[in-house]
Structure formats: C-alpha cells, structure tokens
Amino acid sequence: MIKVNKLSYNNIMSDSTKLIGAVLASSTISALSTYLLLKYLNKPSESSNPNIQTETNNAPSSSSSSQPHRIHFDKDFAESEIRKIRYEESEKQKSLLESGQSNEIYEEQNNRTKLFYGEEAFNNIKNAFVIVVGLGGVGSAAAHTLLRSGVGRLRLIDPDVVTLSSLNRNALAQRKDVGRTKAQVLKDYFAKISPETRVEALQMFFTYDLAPTLLEGNPTYVLDCIDNKETKVALMYYCKQHGIPIISSFGAGSSCDPTKISVTDIADTFGCPLGRDIRRELRIKGVTEGILCVSSAEKNRKKMIPLTETEVEEIRAQKSQGVVRLLRVGTLGVSMPIPSIFGTAMANAILNSLAGLPVIFRGEVIVPPSMHEAARCAKLLAKTEHFLNNTPQSKTLAEISPDLLRYVLEQVWHSESSINVDSRGILTVARWRPERPLTVDNMVVLTEKEHNFHKKVKVVEESYPEDVVKRIDSVLAKERQP
C-alpha cells in the first residue's frame, strides 16, 4: 500500500465525502430529466437495457434511469472490479490470439501511425498504459484519439451515466446509450474499433483515498478530464506526489475560439478562471509547476445558468442519502468543438511524449509582424520618401497605413528579405522601382544593410542580378490591380 501524507489526506477528504454524496444528486437530476424527455417523446427509457452497469438503492441493474444511481467509492469494490476486468481482458486476448489474424489486422490498422512516428516510437505507444479520469466531452475525445492511435491499454474512470444533454459533446455516445454508464459505453465502442486494445471501464468516483487502487498498475500517463475543482486538485496532487505523469484539462466550457487553446506547464497558464483556482489550491500544497495543462486564454462568453427550483428541491431531497451541499450550482453552455479539441490536444501531447518528440515545438513558433513593427516601418518609409523624392512625410503616412505595410511584410514577402531570404537583420519596407508609384505592387522588404544600398539605386536592372529582378517582379505582379 502506498503511504499517504496524513495531513494532506485529511485536508482533501474533508470535502471528498460531501462530493460523493453530491454526485448522487447530480446523477439523479440527469437521469430523471432524461427519463421525462424520453417519456415525452413516447420512447422507452434506454436505461432498461440489461447491459447497463449501474445499480440503484433498491433495484437491480435493469431498473429505470429515473431512480438514483449508486456511485461506488468503496476500495474493496474497486479492487474486485479491477480483478474481474483483468480476467475478462485476459480471456479476450487469448481468444484473439487463437483466431490467428488479430495481430496482422492490428498492424495494418495502425500502419499510418507507425509510418508517422517510426517503429520504435510506435512500440512505446503500443506498450503504454493510460488512465483517463472523467469521460465527458474532453475525456471521451482524448480516450478515443489514444485508442485509434494504438495505445495498448486504457483505463476509463467516470461515475456518471450518459444523458440526452451530454450527447452534444460525447465523442461516441448515441441516443440508444442514454442511461448507460459513460465508461461502459466507451468500452463497448472501443471493442468494435480495436478489439486488441485492453480497455478497463470503472464506474467510480475518484477520491484521494481511492487513488492507490484506481491508479495502480504503474500507468504511463494519467489524463485529468474532471470538471470539478476539488477532485481535479486531489488527482493532480496525488500524481505529483507519487511521480505519475499527468496532463490536466482546464475549463473547456463557455469558449468558442480554438486559437486561444494552448498546451503549457501549469506555471505558464493564464486567462482561465478554473485554472486560477486550481493553481491557488495546488500552491497551498506546495505544487507550482511540473504539471502539463491544456487551457484556453479566451474570455468566458457565457455565464452559468442557475439551477431551477425543481432541480434545487430534488437535490435537497437527497439529504437522506448523505448530500450536505450542492456540487452543481448551475448549467453552462458548451460549444461542441472546444471540448473535443481539448481532448485531442491532450492525447496529442501524450503521443508526442511517448514518441520522444517535444510536447511543445517552441522553436517553430511563427509570430506575425505586430502593428508596432508595421508602424515603425511606416515612419521609416515616410522619412526615406521625403529624403529621396521630397514627399511630405504626412502625405506618405496618410496614404500608406501600418495595416497595409503589415500585409506587405507578412502576406507578400512572408517576413523575409525580398533580395535574399537568408538575410538576417531588422526588416523595413521600401519602394522597389524608383520610377514607379509607391503602391503595394511596388514595395519590397529589405534588411537595414540592403536598404542603405537600395537608396542609391536608380535602375534595378543595373544594380541587381537578373534572376533577383525577375523573381521580385514576378511576386509583385500578383499584387497588381487589374
């Protein structure tokens, strides 16, 4: 048994029991709303499916989804489930080996992944054991990506069931899966996509005291896709304490701009309210860096919608089951692509790490010219035009805006010297042919040294090699207005 710091354990467990009870209420609300909607649509509730891996307080697993689901958080139950899953997976692997064709099919299915990463790197991916905690829009997308990329073993952990409202972001769930556990739904679909992959599905609520059991087996990576702050902190803190590589997803709701999403160390995250709270909690526990995170710097575009009176009353009615405070305080709108991108980004970071590639390609960051840089070029161009052609600087600045020069720098010449793309130095913009007007189709980008030479040029054909003149003229011809 892994030893747990008693003080840290007590601090985290002070909220754990409350959270577990609260999830019971949250599951009840989701299940009840699903049942009522299906009844309204004159369809039978899918939770009557005998394959559902859930229990209710006083009924067998085939009971209606309108009844509260029992969320398991018992250590003995978790250990029993893991042993059962291992046996089932072992039997499945034996059956696949006996078929004789499984390995050949598996290799062909993952051929493109192997071609990209290389055989040695793909072996690392195939031998990896990844645990995904939280199987909503982010977690289901991440697990799905890892499966199709060839990860050999996945453990899926989530206490919740599929509801109608979760179908807008779950990677694979369909209407027929409403009422079934999220973990089992993914496992069933994964078996059809890649039966060779070992997939373990646990309908468990993660707590700090269950971490040694739920995260056992020396995982290669853990994905934190939980949407609750206290539980996220417990998972991240445990992994950090025990040297388990983990990547965490911050808030993916209330956003719609994928260009604001980034993969960074937790110390470099910014702009996310949930991330700010998590950093504060972890700092108190002595953790300030060393955890990879996917986050968005986008300003929240939607506010939390408060719970209805009916929902609040139903949560209060669960007090007899141990609920002492609310976990869900409202509902937040979600744009489907963003959680999916978060999950895919998390999976991609893990694949890069397993393949020995940088998780973040900092050396390949291309920053477009800023408006400040374009404004500097505009002022220098105005001074040059005044010096060479006696054109008032105010006239040049009025006709040639910084925005236009940014276009010339970035779009026409790709932030490189027009004369020699290998030239290095501060760039500026100048008139190409002295005899022609100063327009977009007669502007070049030069280094300071090239610019000083170009100011003395009267006829470009007499000052530059023929191939350089032809190349520049060819580029500028594309900018000429018809």
Protein backbone atom coordinates (compact mmCIF):
# COMPACT_ATOMS: atom_id res chain seq x y z
CA MET A 1 0.00 0.00 0.00
CA ILE A 2 1.36 3.41 -0.92
CA LYS A 3 1.71 5.67 2.10
CA VAL A 4 -0.34 8.87 2.03
CA ASN A 5 0.55 12.02 3.90
CA LYS A 6 -1.99 12.07 6.75
CA LEU A 7 -2.39 15.85 6.88
CA SER A 8 -2.88 16.10 3.11
CA TYR A 9 -5.22 13.13 3.21
CA ASN A 10 -7.42 14.69 5.87
CA ASN A 11 -7.49 18.05 4.13
CA ILE A 12 -8.64 16.50 0.88
CA MET A 13 -11.02 14.02 2.46
CA SER A 14 -12.83 16.79 4.33
CA ASP A 15 -14.60 17.54 1.05
CA SER A 16 -14.50 14.08 -0.54
CA THR A 17 -17.46 12.60 1.34
CA LYS A 18 -19.52 15.67 0.53
CA LEU A 19 -18.60 15.48 -3.12
CA ILE A 20 -19.53 11.82 -3.38
CA GLY A 21 -22.96 12.48 -1.98
CA ALA A 22 -23.39 15.46 -4.22
CA VAL A 23 -22.66 13.40 -7.31
CA LEU A 24 -25.52 11.14 -6.33
CA ALA A 25 -27.85 14.10 -6.57
CA SER A 26 -26.32 15.29 -9.82
CA SER A 27 -26.76 11.84 -11.38
CA THR A 28 -30.35 11.69 -10.18
CA ILE A 29 -31.22 15.00 -11.84
CA SER A 30 -29.62 14.00 -15.14
CA ALA A 31 -31.28 10.59 -15.12
CA LEU A 32 -34.70 11.99 -14.19
CA SER A 33 -34.61 14.66 -16.90
CA THR A 34 -33.59 12.02 -19.44
CA TYR A 35 -36.42 9.73 -18.37
CA LEU A 36 -39.02 12.51 -18.62
CA LEU A 37 -37.79 13.60 -22.04
CA LEU A 38 -37.87 10.07 -23.40
CA LYS A 39 -41.33 9.59 -21.97
CA TYR A 40 -42.45 12.84 -23.60
CA LEU A 41 -41.09 11.60 -26.92
CA ASN A 42 -43.12 8.39 -26.41
CA LYS A 43 -39.97 6.26 -26.38
CA PRO A 44 -38.99 3.63 -23.82
CA SER A 45 -36.14 4.60 -21.49
CA GLU A 46 -32.85 3.15 -22.74
CA SER A 47 -31.69 2.60 -19.19
CA SER A 48 -33.86 -0.52 -19.09
CA ASN A 49 -31.15 -2.08 -21.26
CA PRO A 50 -29.83 -5.11 -19.35
CA ASN A 51 -26.27 -4.18 -20.35
CA ILE A 52 -26.29 -1.13 -18.07
CA GLN A 53 -23.53 -1.46 -15.48
CA THR A 54 -25.19 0.55 -12.70
CA GLU A 55 -27.04 -0.14 -9.51
CA THR A 56 -29.87 1.58 -7.68
CA ASN A 57 -30.61 1.71 -3.99
CA ASN A 58 -33.43 -0.86 -4.01
CA ALA A 59 -33.49 -2.31 -7.52
CA PRO A 60 -31.42 -4.45 -9.88
CA SER A 61 -29.31 -3.05 -12.72
CA SER A 62 -32.17 -3.17 -15.19
CA SER A 63 -34.18 -0.55 -13.30
CA SER A 64 -35.39 2.74 -14.75
CA SER A 65 -32.96 5.64 -15.12
CA SER A 66 -35.38 7.76 -13.12
CA GLN A 67 -34.10 6.06 -10.00
CA PRO A 68 -30.89 7.32 -8.35
CA HIS A 69 -27.65 5.59 -9.35
CA ARG A 70 -25.37 4.34 -6.61
CA ILE A 71 -21.88 5.71 -7.19
CA HIS A 72 -19.32 3.22 -5.96
CA PHE A 73 -16.47 4.58 -3.86
CA ASP A 74 -15.55 1.50 -1.84
CA LYS A 75 -11.96 0.28 -2.02
CA ASP A 76 -12.91 -3.41 -1.88
CA PHE A 77 -15.41 -2.91 -4.71
CA ALA A 78 -12.78 -1.12 -6.82
CA GLU A 79 -10.22 -3.87 -6.30
CA SER A 80 -12.84 -6.52 -7.10
CA GLU A 81 -13.84 -4.74 -10.31
CA ILE A 82 -10.23 -4.39 -11.45
CA ARG A 83 -9.59 -8.11 -10.84
CA LYS A 84 -12.72 -9.02 -12.80
CA ILE A 85 -11.76 -6.72 -15.66
CA ARG A 86 -8.25 -8.15 -15.82
CA TYR A 87 -9.67 -11.67 -16.09
CA GLU A 88 -12.11 -10.66 -18.84
CA GLU A 89 -9.35 -8.88 -20.78
CA SER A 90 -7.05 -11.88 -20.40
CA GLU A 91 -9.71 -14.20 -21.82
CA LYS A 92 -10.37 -11.77 -24.67
CA GLN A 93 -6.68 -11.63 -25.58
CA LYS A 94 -6.48 -15.44 -25.58
CA SER A 95 -9.44 -15.62 -27.95
CA LEU A 96 -7.87 -13.06 -30.28
CA LEU A 97 -4.56 -14.94 -30.35
CA GLU A 98 -6.35 -18.18 -31.16
CA SER A 99 -8.01 -16.53 -34.17
CA GLY A 100 -4.56 -16.13 -35.78
CA GLN A 101 -5.43 -12.97 -37.75
CA SER A 102 -5.70 -10.41 -34.98
CA ASN A 103 -2.07 -9.21 -34.95
CA GLU A 104 -1.93 -8.78 -38.72
CA ILE A 105 -5.15 -6.74 -38.74
CA TYR A 106 -3.96 -4.63 -35.79
CA GLU A 107 -0.66 -3.81 -37.50
CA GLU A 108 -2.38 -2.79 -40.74
CA GLN A 109 -4.94 -0.69 -38.86
CA ASN A 110 -2.16 1.26 -37.14
CA ASN A 111 0.13 1.44 -40.17
CA ARG A 112 -0.25 5.20 -40.72
CA THR A 113 0.54 5.95 -37.08
CA LYS A 114 3.66 3.79 -37.29
CA LEU A 115 4.75 5.48 -40.53
CA PHE A 116 4.49 8.88 -38.87
CA TYR A 117 6.20 8.19 -35.54
CA GLY A 118 8.51 5.34 -36.58
CA GLU A 119 8.50 1.70 -35.46
CA GLU A 120 10.41 2.22 -32.20
CA ALA A 121 8.20 5.13 -31.15
CA PHE A 122 5.06 3.22 -32.08
CA ASN A 123 6.16 0.33 -29.87
CA ASN A 124 6.28 2.82 -26.98
CA ILE A 125 2.73 3.90 -27.84
CA LYS A 126 1.52 0.30 -28.16
CA ASN A 127 3.03 -0.64 -24.79
CA ALA A 128 1.67 2.43 -22.99
CA PHE A 129 -0.90 2.24 -20.19
CA VAL A 130 -3.01 5.42 -19.98
CA ILE A 131 -5.70 6.20 -17.42
CA VAL A 132 -8.44 8.70 -18.33
CA VAL A 133 -10.36 10.12 -15.38
CA GLY A 134 -13.55 11.88 -16.49
CA LEU A 135 -15.31 10.84 -19.70
CA GLY A 136 -17.28 13.89 -20.75
CA GLY A 137 -16.61 15.90 -23.91
CA VAL A 138 -12.88 16.23 -23.16
CA GLY A 139 -12.18 12.77 -21.75
CA SER A 140 -14.16 10.80 -24.34
CA ALA A 141 -12.37 12.64 -27.19
CA ALA A 142 -8.96 12.07 -25.59
CA ALA A 143 -9.59 8.36 -24.98
CA HIS A 144 -10.97 7.92 -28.49
CA THR A 145 -7.87 9.55 -30.02
CA LEU A 146 -5.49 7.42 -27.94
CA LEU A 147 -7.35 4.25 -28.91
CA ARG A 148 -7.19 4.97 -32.64
CA SER A 149 -3.51 5.91 -32.28
CA GLY A 150 -2.62 2.46 -30.99
CA VAL A 151 -2.26 2.87 -27.22
CA GLY A 152 -2.31 -0.70 -25.94
CA ARG A 153 -4.06 -0.31 -22.60
CA LEU A 154 -6.65 2.18 -21.39
CA ARG A 155 -8.42 2.51 -18.05
CA LEU A 156 -11.58 4.63 -18.20
CA ILE A 157 -12.95 6.06 -14.93
CA ASP A 158 -16.17 8.04 -14.54
CA PRO A 159 -19.09 7.80 -12.06
CA ASP A 160 -21.72 9.25 -14.38
CA VAL A 161 -24.17 7.98 -17.00
CA VAL A 162 -24.93 9.22 -20.49
CA THR A 163 -27.79 11.75 -20.63
CA LEU A 164 -29.52 13.41 -23.55
CA SER A 165 -27.83 16.72 -22.77
CA SER A 166 -24.37 15.11 -22.92
CA LEU A 167 -24.84 13.86 -26.48
CA ASN A 168 -23.75 17.24 -27.89
CA ARG A 169 -20.17 16.66 -26.78
CA ASN A 170 -19.59 12.95 -26.02
CA ALA A 171 -17.28 11.54 -28.68
CA LEU A 172 -19.17 8.31 -29.41
CA ALA A 173 -22.40 8.01 -27.38
CA GLN A 174 -25.71 7.71 -29.23
CA ARG A 175 -29.34 8.09 -28.12
CA LYS A 176 -29.59 4.36 -27.52
CA ASP A 177 -26.83 4.76 -24.89
CA VAL A 178 -28.76 7.22 -22.73
CA GLY A 179 -28.86 5.87 -19.17
CA ARG A 180 -25.81 3.64 -19.56
CA THR A 181 -22.54 4.38 -17.78
CA LYS A 182 -20.13 6.53 -19.76
CA ALA A 183 -17.22 4.19 -19.08
CA GLN A 184 -19.05 1.09 -20.32
CA VAL A 185 -20.39 2.89 -23.40
CA LEU A 186 -16.87 3.85 -24.49
CA LYS A 187 -15.52 0.38 -23.72
CA ASP A 188 -18.21 -1.23 -25.90
CA TYR A 189 -17.50 1.08 -28.85
CA PHE A 190 -13.75 0.71 -28.40
CA ALA A 191 -14.09 -3.08 -28.62
CA LYS A 192 -15.59 -2.65 -32.09
CA ILE A 193 -12.85 -0.23 -33.21
CA SER A 194 -9.79 -2.00 -31.79
CA PRO A 195 -10.57 -5.30 -30.01
CA GLU A 196 -6.84 -5.89 -29.40
CA THR A 197 -6.68 -2.89 -27.04
CA ARG A 198 -7.09 -3.69 -23.35
CA VAL A 199 -9.84 -1.41 -22.07
CA GLU A 200 -10.90 -1.29 -18.40
CA ALA A 201 -14.16 0.54 -17.55
CA LEU A 202 -14.82 1.64 -13.97
CA GLN A 203 -17.94 3.49 -12.82
CA MET A 204 -16.16 5.00 -9.86
CA PHE A 205 -15.93 8.44 -8.29
CA PHE A 206 -12.26 9.38 -7.90
CA THR A 207 -11.18 10.29 -4.37
CA TYR A 208 -7.76 10.75 -2.84
CA ASP A 209 -8.07 7.63 -0.67
CA LEU A 210 -9.02 5.50 -3.70
CA ALA A 211 -6.12 6.81 -5.79
CA PRO A 212 -3.71 3.95 -4.91
CA THR A 213 -6.34 1.48 -6.17
CA LEU A 214 -7.72 3.37 -9.16
CA LEU A 215 -4.27 4.42 -10.41
CA GLU A 216 -2.49 1.14 -9.68
CA GLY A 217 -0.52 -0.69 -12.34
CA ASN A 218 2.23 1.88 -12.97
CA PRO A 219 0.41 3.99 -15.60
CA THR A 220 2.46 5.68 -18.30
CA TYR A 221 0.20 8.73 -18.15
CA VAL A 222 -2.93 9.95 -16.38
CA LEU A 223 -5.38 12.33 -18.04
CA ASP A 224 -7.32 14.62 -15.73
CA CYS A 225 -10.57 15.39 -17.58
CA ILE A 226 -12.65 16.01 -14.45
CA ASP A 227 -14.93 19.06 -14.36
CA ASN A 228 -14.89 19.54 -10.58
CA LYS A 229 -12.20 21.67 -8.95
CA GLU A 230 -11.76 19.76 -5.67
CA THR A 231 -11.49 16.39 -7.39
CA LYS A 232 -9.08 17.74 -10.01
CA VAL A 233 -6.81 19.11 -7.30
CA ALA A 234 -6.86 15.77 -5.45
CA LEU A 235 -5.91 13.86 -8.63
CA MET A 236 -3.21 16.30 -9.70
CA TYR A 237 -1.74 16.47 -6.19
CA TYR A 238 -1.64 12.68 -5.81
CA CYS A 239 0.06 12.20 -9.19
CA LYS A 240 2.59 14.91 -8.44
CA GLN A 241 3.33 13.37 -5.04
CA HIS A 242 3.90 9.92 -6.49
CA GLY A 243 5.75 10.83 -9.68
CA ILE A 244 2.96 9.79 -12.06
CA PRO A 245 2.99 11.81 -15.31
CA ILE A 246 -0.28 13.70 -15.65
CA ILE A 247 -1.83 16.16 -18.08
CA SER A 248 -4.83 18.22 -16.97
CA SER A 249 -7.64 19.92 -18.84
CA PHE A 250 -8.78 23.29 -17.54
CA GLY A 251 -12.15 24.86 -18.38
CA ALA A 252 -13.37 23.95 -21.88
CA GLY A 253 -16.89 25.36 -21.49
CA SER A 254 -18.02 28.86 -22.41
CA SER A 255 -15.41 29.15 -25.19
CA CYS A 256 -15.56 29.07 -28.98
CA ASP A 257 -12.14 30.23 -30.24
CA PRO A 258 -9.74 27.29 -30.80
CA THR A 259 -6.82 29.65 -31.48
CA LYS A 260 -6.80 30.59 -27.78
CA ILE A 261 -6.11 26.99 -26.70
CA SER A 262 -2.57 26.09 -25.64
CA VAL A 263 -0.55 23.27 -24.07
CA THR A 264 1.77 24.56 -21.34
CA ASP A 265 3.14 23.86 -17.90
CA ILE A 266 0.69 24.85 -15.18
CA ALA A 267 3.05 27.67 -14.18
CA ASP A 268 2.54 29.29 -17.61
CA THR A 269 -1.26 29.02 -17.80
CA PHE A 270 -3.32 32.20 -17.74
CA GLY A 271 -6.77 33.54 -18.53
CA CYS A 272 -8.78 30.57 -17.22
CA PRO A 273 -10.83 31.16 -14.03
CA LEU A 274 -10.88 27.44 -13.18
CA GLY A 275 -7.13 27.24 -13.76
CA ARG A 276 -6.57 30.21 -11.47
CA ASP A 277 -8.43 28.49 -8.63
CA ILE A 278 -6.58 25.21 -9.21
CA ARG A 279 -3.18 26.94 -9.18
CA ARG A 280 -4.09 28.61 -5.89
CA GLU A 281 -5.12 25.30 -4.27
CA LEU A 282 -2.00 23.49 -5.51
CA ARG A 283 0.28 26.33 -4.43
CA ILE A 284 -1.02 25.92 -0.87
CA LYS A 285 0.05 22.27 -1.10
CA GLY A 286 3.48 23.24 -2.45
CA VAL A 287 2.90 22.47 -6.14
CA THR A 288 3.63 25.34 -8.55
CA GLU A 289 4.95 23.63 -11.68
CA GLY A 290 5.63 20.32 -13.38
CA ILE A 291 2.07 19.52 -14.48
CA LEU A 292 1.20 19.77 -18.18
CA CYS A 293 -2.11 21.54 -18.86
CA VAL A 294 -4.41 22.27 -21.78
CA SER A 295 -6.17 25.61 -21.28
CA SER A 296 -7.79 28.49 -23.11
CA ALA A 297 -6.98 32.16 -22.62
CA GLU A 298 -10.32 33.13 -24.17
CA LYS A 299 -12.62 35.32 -22.12
CA ASN A 300 -15.68 33.39 -20.94
CA ARG A 301 -18.54 34.10 -23.34
CA LYS A 302 -21.38 32.50 -21.38
CA LYS A 303 -22.39 32.70 -17.73
CA MET A 304 -23.60 29.88 -15.55
CA ILE A 305 -27.37 29.43 -15.66
CA PRO A 306 -28.71 28.87 -12.12
CA LEU A 307 -30.47 25.64 -11.26
CA THR A 308 -34.27 25.65 -11.49
CA GLU A 309 -36.36 25.44 -8.32
CA THR A 310 -37.30 21.87 -9.23
CA GLU A 311 -33.64 20.87 -9.51
CA VAL A 312 -32.79 22.52 -6.21
CA GLU A 313 -35.69 20.74 -4.48
CA GLU A 314 -34.59 17.39 -5.90
CA ILE A 315 -31.06 17.94 -4.63
CA ARG A 316 -32.38 18.84 -1.18
CA ALA A 317 -34.46 15.67 -1.23
CA GLN A 318 -31.24 13.64 -1.40
CA LYS A 319 -30.18 14.65 2.13
CA SER A 320 -31.28 11.25 3.35
CA GLN A 321 -28.55 9.80 1.11
CA GLY A 322 -25.86 11.99 2.66
CA VAL A 323 -25.89 15.08 0.43
CA VAL A 324 -24.84 18.05 2.54
CA ARG A 325 -24.05 20.66 -0.13
CA LEU A 326 -24.52 21.33 -3.82
CA LEU A 327 -21.96 20.16 -6.36
CA ARG A 328 -23.79 21.53 -9.38
CA VAL A 329 -24.62 25.18 -8.90
CA GLY A 330 -25.83 25.72 -12.47
CA THR A 331 -25.63 24.76 -16.12
CA LEU A 332 -23.05 26.09 -18.56
CA GLY A 333 -23.48 26.21 -22.32
CA VAL A 334 -20.87 24.29 -24.32
CA SER A 335 -19.74 24.60 -27.94
CA MET A 336 -19.08 21.01 -29.02
CA PRO A 337 -15.79 21.57 -30.92
CA ILE A 338 -13.91 23.06 -27.94
CA PRO A 339 -14.04 20.07 -25.51
CA SER A 340 -13.18 17.81 -28.46
CA ILE A 341 -10.15 19.95 -29.32
CA PHE A 342 -9.07 19.98 -25.66
CA GLY A 343 -9.22 16.19 -25.53
CA THR A 344 -7.45 15.74 -28.85
CA ALA A 345 -4.72 18.17 -27.75
CA MET A 346 -4.20 16.20 -24.54
CA ALA A 347 -3.92 12.94 -26.46
CA ASN A 348 -1.54 14.52 -28.98
CA ALA A 349 0.73 15.75 -26.19
CA ILE A 350 0.92 12.24 -24.74
CA LEU A 351 1.62 10.67 -28.14
CA ASN A 352 4.44 13.16 -28.76
CA SER A 353 5.89 12.41 -25.34
CA LEU A 354 5.74 8.64 -25.91
CA ALA A 355 7.35 9.07 -29.33
CA GLY A 356 10.19 11.18 -27.94
CA LEU A 357 9.02 14.34 -29.68
CA PRO A 358 8.72 17.75 -28.00
CA VAL A 359 5.28 18.26 -26.49
CA ILE A 360 5.55 21.94 -27.38
CA PHE A 361 7.51 22.92 -30.52
CA ARG A 362 8.73 26.27 -29.19
CA GLY A 363 11.39 26.63 -31.89
CA GLU A 364 8.75 26.55 -34.61
CA VAL A 365 6.56 29.33 -33.26
CA ILE A 366 5.93 31.87 -36.03
CA VAL A 367 4.84 35.26 -34.77
CA PRO A 368 3.24 37.56 -37.36
CA PRO A 369 4.54 41.13 -37.57
CA SER A 370 2.94 43.25 -34.88
CA MET A 371 1.24 46.56 -35.64
CA HIS A 372 4.05 48.20 -33.67
CA GLU A 373 6.59 46.78 -36.12
CA ALA A 374 4.47 47.87 -39.08
CA ALA A 375 4.16 51.39 -37.63
CA ARG A 376 7.96 51.56 -37.30
CA CYS A 377 8.32 50.57 -40.95
CA ALA A 378 5.76 53.22 -41.96
CA LYS A 379 7.70 56.00 -40.22
CA LEU A 380 11.00 54.93 -41.78
CA LEU A 381 9.37 54.65 -45.21
CA ALA A 382 7.97 58.18 -44.84
CA LYS A 383 11.43 59.54 -43.94
CA THR A 384 13.03 57.74 -46.90
CA GLU A 385 10.41 59.03 -49.35
CA HIS A 386 10.91 62.58 -48.06
CA PHE A 387 14.70 62.23 -48.42
CA LEU A 388 14.64 60.71 -51.93
CA ASN A 389 11.57 62.29 -53.50
CA ASN A 390 10.84 65.29 -51.27
CA THR A 391 7.40 63.79 -50.46
CA PRO A 392 5.93 65.20 -47.22
CA GLN A 393 6.03 62.58 -44.51
CA SER A 394 2.43 63.33 -43.57
CA LYS A 395 1.33 62.51 -47.14
CA THR A 396 3.12 59.14 -47.13
CA LEU A 397 1.74 58.23 -43.71
CA ALA A 398 -1.77 59.16 -44.83
CA GLU A 399 -1.56 57.00 -47.96
CA ILE A 400 0.44 54.06 -46.59
CA SER A 401 -1.08 52.73 -43.36
CA PRO A 402 0.66 50.38 -40.89
CA ASP A 403 -2.04 47.82 -41.68
CA LEU A 404 -1.05 47.91 -45.38
CA LEU A 405 2.63 47.51 -44.51
CA ARG A 406 1.82 44.57 -42.26
CA TYR A 407 0.18 42.95 -45.29
CA VAL A 408 3.31 43.61 -47.37
CA LEU A 409 5.57 42.21 -44.66
CA GLU A 410 3.57 39.12 -43.83
CA GLN A 411 1.47 38.17 -46.86
CA VAL A 412 3.56 39.35 -49.80
CA TRP A 413 7.08 38.69 -48.54
CA HIS A 414 6.47 36.28 -45.61
CA SER A 415 8.59 38.40 -43.21
CA GLU A 416 11.74 37.70 -45.25
CA SER A 417 14.08 39.83 -47.32
CA SER A 418 12.94 40.25 -50.93
CA ILE A 419 16.55 40.26 -52.13
CA ASN A 420 17.83 37.25 -50.19
CA VAL A 421 15.58 35.10 -48.00
CA ASP A 422 18.63 34.05 -45.97
CA SER A 423 19.49 37.63 -45.00
CA ARG A 424 19.13 38.39 -41.30
CA GLY A 425 18.51 41.70 -39.58
CA ILE A 426 15.85 44.28 -38.85
CA LEU A 427 13.43 44.50 -41.77
CA THR A 428 11.98 47.57 -43.40
CA VAL A 429 9.82 48.37 -46.44
CA ALA A 430 10.98 50.38 -49.47
CA ARG A 431 9.91 51.38 -52.98
CA TRP A 432 11.18 48.79 -55.49
CA ARG A 433 11.40 50.69 -58.79
CA PRO A 434 12.18 54.40 -58.17
CA GLU A 435 10.35 55.49 -61.31
CA ARG A 436 7.04 53.85 -60.33
CA PRO A 437 4.44 54.97 -57.74
CA LEU A 438 4.62 53.76 -54.14
CA THR A 439 1.92 51.08 -54.19
CA VAL A 440 1.61 47.50 -52.91
CA ASP A 441 2.81 46.12 -56.24
CA ASN A 442 6.00 48.21 -55.98
CA MET A 443 7.15 47.54 -52.41
CA VAL A 444 9.91 45.25 -51.21
CA VAL A 445 11.15 44.13 -47.80
CA LEU A 446 14.84 44.76 -47.09
CA THR A 447 17.29 44.46 -44.22
CA GLU A 448 18.95 47.65 -42.98
CA LYS A 449 22.11 46.90 -44.96
CA GLU A 450 20.13 46.17 -48.12
CA HIS A 451 18.04 49.29 -47.59
CA ASN A 452 21.10 51.54 -47.34
CA PHE A 453 22.32 50.16 -50.68
CA HIS A 454 18.88 50.33 -52.31
CA LYS A 455 18.51 54.07 -51.56
CA LYS A 456 21.30 54.70 -54.10
CA VAL A 457 19.69 52.56 -56.84
CA LYS A 458 18.35 54.40 -59.90
CA VAL A 459 17.64 51.40 -62.21
CA VAL A 460 17.13 47.99 -60.58
CA GLU A 461 18.34 46.06 -63.65
CA GLU A 462 21.71 47.77 -63.35
CA SER A 463 22.08 47.09 -59.62
CA TYR A 464 20.77 43.53 -59.06
CA PRO A 465 21.29 40.14 -60.74
CA GLU A 466 18.77 39.32 -63.46
CA ASP A 467 17.28 36.35 -61.57
CA VAL A 468 16.64 38.52 -58.48
CA VAL A 469 14.87 41.20 -60.55
CA LYS A 470 12.73 38.61 -62.35
CA ARG A 471 11.75 36.89 -59.10
CA ILE A 472 10.76 40.14 -57.38
CA ASP A 473 8.85 41.37 -60.42
CA SER A 474 7.01 38.04 -60.58
CA VAL A 475 5.91 38.31 -56.93
CA LEU A 476 4.80 41.94 -57.25
CA ALA A 477 2.87 41.22 -60.47
CA LYS A 478 0.48 39.09 -58.43
CA GLU A 479 -0.36 42.16 -56.31
CA ARG A 480 -1.08 44.39 -59.28
CA GLN A 481 -4.68 45.53 -59.57
CA PRO A 482 -6.33 44.53 -62.91
